[in-house]
C-alpha atoms as a PDB file:
ATOM      1  CA  MET A   1     -19.863   7.033  -3.630  1.00  0.00           C
ATOM      2  CA  VAL A   2     -20.410   7.339  -7.370  1.00  0.00           C
ATOM      3  CA  GLU A   3     -18.432   9.684  -9.593  1.00  0.00           C
ATOM      4  CA  THR A   4     -19.588  10.911 -12.998  1.00  0.00           C
ATOM      5  CA  SER A   5     -17.815  13.221 -15.416  1.00  0.00           C
ATOM      6  CA  ILE A   6     -19.600  16.229 -13.882  1.00  0.00           C
ATOM      7  CA  SER A   7     -20.366  15.246 -10.288  1.00  0.00           C
ATOM      8  CA  ILE A   8     -19.544  13.291  -7.171  1.00  0.00           C
ATOM      9  CA  LEU A   9     -22.537  11.556  -5.562  1.00  0.00           C
ATOM     10  CA  SER A  10     -22.624  10.174  -2.033  1.00  0.00           C
ATOM     11  CA  VAL A  11     -25.080   9.265   0.711  1.00  0.00           C
ATOM     12  CA  ASP A  12     -24.595   9.622   4.470  1.00  0.00           C
ATOM     13  CA  ASP A  13     -25.611   7.235   7.251  1.00  0.00           C
ATOM     14  CA  ASP A  14     -28.849   9.183   7.794  1.00  0.00           C
ATOM     15  CA  GLY A  15     -30.006   8.543   4.212  1.00  0.00           C
ATOM     16  CA  VAL A  16     -29.384  12.074   2.935  1.00  0.00           C
ATOM     17  CA  ALA A  17     -27.461  12.130  -0.336  1.00  0.00           C
ATOM     18  CA  GLU A  18     -25.256  14.806  -1.840  1.00  0.00           C
ATOM     19  CA  MET A  19     -24.587  15.692  -5.442  1.00  0.00           C
ATOM     20  CA  HIS A  20     -21.553  17.893  -5.784  1.00  0.00           C
ATOM     21  CA  PHE A  21     -20.957  19.386  -9.208  1.00  0.00           C
ATOM     22  CA  LYS A  22     -17.313  19.689 -10.195  1.00  0.00           C
ATOM     23  CA  GLY A  23     -16.027  23.110 -11.159  1.00  0.00           C
ATOM     24  CA  GLY A  24     -15.861  24.202 -14.771  1.00  0.00           C
ATOM     25  CA  VAL A  25     -18.309  21.609 -16.111  1.00  0.00           C
ATOM     26  CA  THR A  26     -21.219  22.010 -18.489  1.00  0.00           C
ATOM     27  CA  MET A  27     -24.319  19.869 -18.167  1.00  0.00           C
ATOM     28  CA  ASP A  28     -25.743  18.931 -21.543  1.00  0.00           C
ATOM     29  CA  ILE A  29     -28.231  16.168 -22.294  1.00  0.00           C
ATOM     30  CA  PRO A  30     -25.627  13.340 -22.565  1.00  0.00           C
ATOM     31  CA  THR A  31     -24.051  14.312 -19.221  1.00  0.00           C
ATOM     32  CA  GLN A  32     -27.538  14.754 -17.767  1.00  0.00           C
ATOM     33  CA  LEU A  33     -28.299  11.129 -18.663  1.00  0.00           C
ATOM     34  CA  GLU A  34     -24.938   9.987 -17.232  1.00  0.00           C
ATOM     35  CA  HIS A  35     -25.686  11.944 -14.047  1.00  0.00           C
ATOM     36  CA  LEU A  36     -29.140  10.335 -13.723  1.00  0.00           C
ATOM     37  CA  LYS A  37     -27.587   6.895 -14.167  1.00  0.00           C
ATOM     38  CA  GLY A  38     -25.166   7.689 -11.315  1.00  0.00           C
ATOM     39  CA  ILE A  39     -28.012   8.829  -9.055  1.00  0.00           C
ATOM     40  CA  ILE A  40     -29.955   5.640  -9.742  1.00  0.00           C
ATOM     41  CA  GLN A  41     -26.832   3.553  -9.096  1.00  0.00           C
ATOM     42  CA  LEU A  42     -26.171   5.327  -5.774  1.00  0.00           C
ATOM     43  CA  THR A  43     -29.744   5.147  -4.474  1.00  0.00           C
ATOM     44  CA  LYS A  44     -30.713   1.796  -6.000  1.00  0.00           C
ATOM     45  CA  ASN A  45     -33.648   3.825  -7.376  1.00  0.00           C
ATOM     46  CA  HIS A  46     -35.010   4.452  -3.857  1.00  0.00           C
ATOM     47  CA  PRO A  47     -36.570   7.914  -3.282  1.00  0.00           C
ATOM     48  CA  THR A  48     -33.792   9.923  -1.653  1.00  0.00           C
ATOM     49  CA  PRO A  49     -33.407  13.588  -0.661  1.00  0.00           C
ATOM     50  CA  PHE A  50     -30.318  15.301  -2.064  1.00  0.00           C
ATOM     51  CA  ILE A  51     -28.202  18.236  -1.045  1.00  0.00           C
ATOM     52  CA  VAL A  52     -26.848  20.010  -4.111  1.00  0.00           C
ATOM     53  CA  THR A  53     -23.477  21.738  -3.900  1.00  0.00           C
ATOM     54  CA  ALA A  54     -21.180  22.986  -6.622  1.00  0.00           C
ATOM     55  CA  ASP A  55     -17.755  24.368  -7.300  1.00  0.00           C
ATOM     56  CA  GLU A  56     -17.509  27.507  -9.417  1.00  0.00           C
ATOM     57  CA  PHE A  57     -18.318  27.795 -13.109  1.00  0.00           C
ATOM     58  CA  VAL A  58     -20.966  25.104 -13.484  1.00  0.00           C
ATOM     59  CA  ALA A  59     -23.109  25.698 -16.551  1.00  0.00           C
ATOM     60  CA  PHE A  60     -26.219  24.115 -18.026  1.00  0.00           C
ATOM     61  CA  THR A  61     -27.020  24.165 -21.719  1.00  0.00           C
ATOM     62  CA  LYS A  62     -30.391  25.481 -22.818  1.00  0.00           C
ATOM     63  CA  GLU A  63     -31.350  21.951 -23.881  1.00  0.00           C
ATOM     64  CA  ALA A  64     -30.420  20.502 -20.476  1.00  0.00           C
ATOM     65  CA  LYS A  65     -32.460  23.171 -18.685  1.00  0.00           C
ATOM     66  CA  GLU A  66     -35.465  22.444 -20.888  1.00  0.00           C
ATOM     67  CA  ASN A  67     -35.034  18.688 -20.411  1.00  0.00           C
ATOM     68  CA  ALA A  68     -34.702  18.858 -16.605  1.00  0.00           C
ATOM     69  CA  PRO A  69     -38.454  18.619 -15.879  1.00  0.00           C
ATOM     70  CA  ASN A  70     -38.656  15.492 -18.085  1.00  0.00           C
ATOM     71  CA  MET A  71     -35.874  13.867 -16.062  1.00  0.00           C
ATOM     72  CA  GLU A  72     -37.768  14.277 -12.777  1.00  0.00           C
ATOM     73  CA  ASP A  73     -40.126  11.411 -13.571  1.00  0.00           C
ATOM     74  CA  GLN A  74     -37.147   9.061 -14.002  1.00  0.00           C
ATOM     75  CA  SER A  75     -35.160  10.284 -11.012  1.00  0.00           C
ATOM     76  CA  PRO A  76     -35.280   8.888  -7.465  1.00  0.00           C
ATOM     77  CA  VAL A  77     -34.479  12.349  -6.050  1.00  0.00           C
ATOM     78  CA  CYS A  78     -37.458  13.117  -3.788  1.00  0.00           C
ATOM     79  CA  ALA A  79     -36.308  16.549  -2.525  1.00  0.00           C
ATOM     80  CA  SER A  80     -33.453  18.928  -3.357  1.00  0.00           C
ATOM     81  CA  ALA A  81     -31.742  21.294  -0.943  1.00  0.00           C
ATOM     82  CA  ILE A  82     -29.553  23.649  -2.932  1.00  0.00           C
ATOM     83  CA  VAL A  83     -26.652  25.120  -0.980  1.00  0.00           C
ATOM     84  CA  VAL A  84     -25.844  28.565  -2.369  1.00  0.00           C
ATOM     85  CA  SER A  85     -22.652  30.329  -1.427  1.00  0.00           C
ATOM     86  CA  ASN A  86     -23.623  33.847  -2.468  1.00  0.00           C
ATOM     87  CA  LEU A  87     -26.553  36.069  -3.358  1.00  0.00           C
ATOM     88  CA  ALA A  88     -26.087  35.693  -7.123  1.00  0.00           C
ATOM     89  CA  TYR A  89     -26.344  31.892  -6.934  1.00  0.00           C
ATOM     90  CA  ARG A  90     -29.334  32.158  -4.588  1.00  0.00           C
ATOM     91  CA  ILE A  91     -31.149  34.413  -7.065  1.00  0.00           C
ATOM     92  CA  LEU A  92     -30.402  31.994  -9.929  1.00  0.00           C
ATOM     93  CA  ALA A  93     -31.545  28.971  -7.930  1.00  0.00           C
ATOM     94  CA  ASP A  94     -34.731  30.676  -6.739  1.00  0.00           C
ATOM     95  CA  PHE A  95     -35.456  31.852 -10.294  1.00  0.00           C
ATOM     96  CA  TYR A  96     -35.043  28.289 -11.611  1.00  0.00           C
ATOM     97  CA  ILE A  97     -37.424  26.954  -8.962  1.00  0.00           C
ATOM     98  CA  LYS A  98     -40.064  29.563  -9.796  1.00  0.00           C
ATOM     99  CA  MET A  99     -39.766  29.146 -13.568  1.00  0.00           C
ATOM    100  CA  GLN A 100     -39.433  25.346 -13.819  1.00  0.00           C
ATOM    101  CA  LYS A 101     -41.919  24.541 -11.063  1.00  0.00           C
ATOM    102  CA  PRO A 102     -40.307  21.222 -10.055  1.00  0.00           C
ATOM    103  CA  LYS A 103     -42.572  18.352  -9.009  1.00  0.00           C
ATOM    104  CA  ILE A 104     -40.516  17.670  -5.876  1.00  0.00           C
ATOM    105  CA  PRO A 105     -39.700  19.982  -2.952  1.00  0.00           C
ATOM    106  CA  TYR A 106     -36.790  22.346  -3.680  1.00  0.00           C
ATOM    107  CA  LYS A 107     -35.333  24.883  -1.289  1.00  0.00           C
ATOM    108  CA  THR A 108     -32.182  26.992  -1.110  1.00  0.00           C
ATOM    109  CA  PHE A 109     -29.954  27.169   1.963  1.00  0.00           C
ATOM    110  CA  PRO A 110     -26.965  29.291   2.974  1.00  0.00           C
ATOM    111  CA  ASN A 111     -25.089  26.290   4.415  1.00  0.00           C
ATOM    112  CA  LYS A 112     -24.925  22.524   4.268  1.00  0.00           C
ATOM    113  CA  GLU A 113     -25.969  21.952   7.886  1.00  0.00           C
ATOM    114  CA  LYS A 114     -29.365  23.615   7.409  1.00  0.00           C
ATOM    115  CA  ALA A 115     -29.830  21.765   4.120  1.00  0.00           C
ATOM    116  CA  ILE A 116     -29.162  18.414   5.829  1.00  0.00           C
ATOM    117  CA  GLU A 117     -31.689  19.132   8.574  1.00  0.00           C
ATOM    118  CA  TRP A 118     -34.369  20.031   6.001  1.00  0.00           C
ATOM    119  CA  CYS A 119     -33.625  16.912   3.926  1.00  0.00           C
ATOM    120  CA  LYS A 120     -33.995  14.557   6.885  1.00  0.00           C
ATOM    121  CA  GLN A 121     -37.783  14.977   6.833  1.00  0.00           C
ATOM    122  CA  PHE A 122     -37.854  13.288   3.394  1.00  0.00           C
ATOM    123  CA  VAL A 123     -35.776  10.219   4.293  1.00  0.00           C
ATOM    124  CA  THR A 124     -37.537   6.863   4.147  1.00  0.00           C
ATOM    125  CA  PRO A 125     -35.923   3.543   5.055  1.00  0.00           C
ATOM    126  CA  ASN A 126     -34.041   1.953   2.175  1.00  0.00           C
ATOM    127  CA  PRO A 127     -33.384  -1.775   2.568  1.00  0.00           C
ATOM    128  CA  PHE A 128     -30.631  -1.598  -0.079  1.00  0.00           C
ATOM    129  CA  LEU A 129     -28.359   0.909   1.686  1.00  0.00           C
END
């Protein structure tokens, strides 16, 4: 497990990782860089699928949103399954996916179990875990 100022990162025995955003945090570019460093530390820079969960009131600055596509080339995240707890969050997540056009597979899910199953198809053996 790796903890940053905005998230808790972990990986399960199947090789699926989770990034859980703490409630009431704002992602700006400095915290985005800290978050990326935590992901790299957790995965040893091995391509890893992630489940994304969040507490309430997580915000992203305009600069962080604009910088997100640039971060993809540096990130070992190979797929993202976003767990959305309500329709409003699902609409926001789907809108982000359509507008940003991420380079990796992204999909929204109503629960963690379905997200885990989807992520398993992207797991590759990591000799460092």
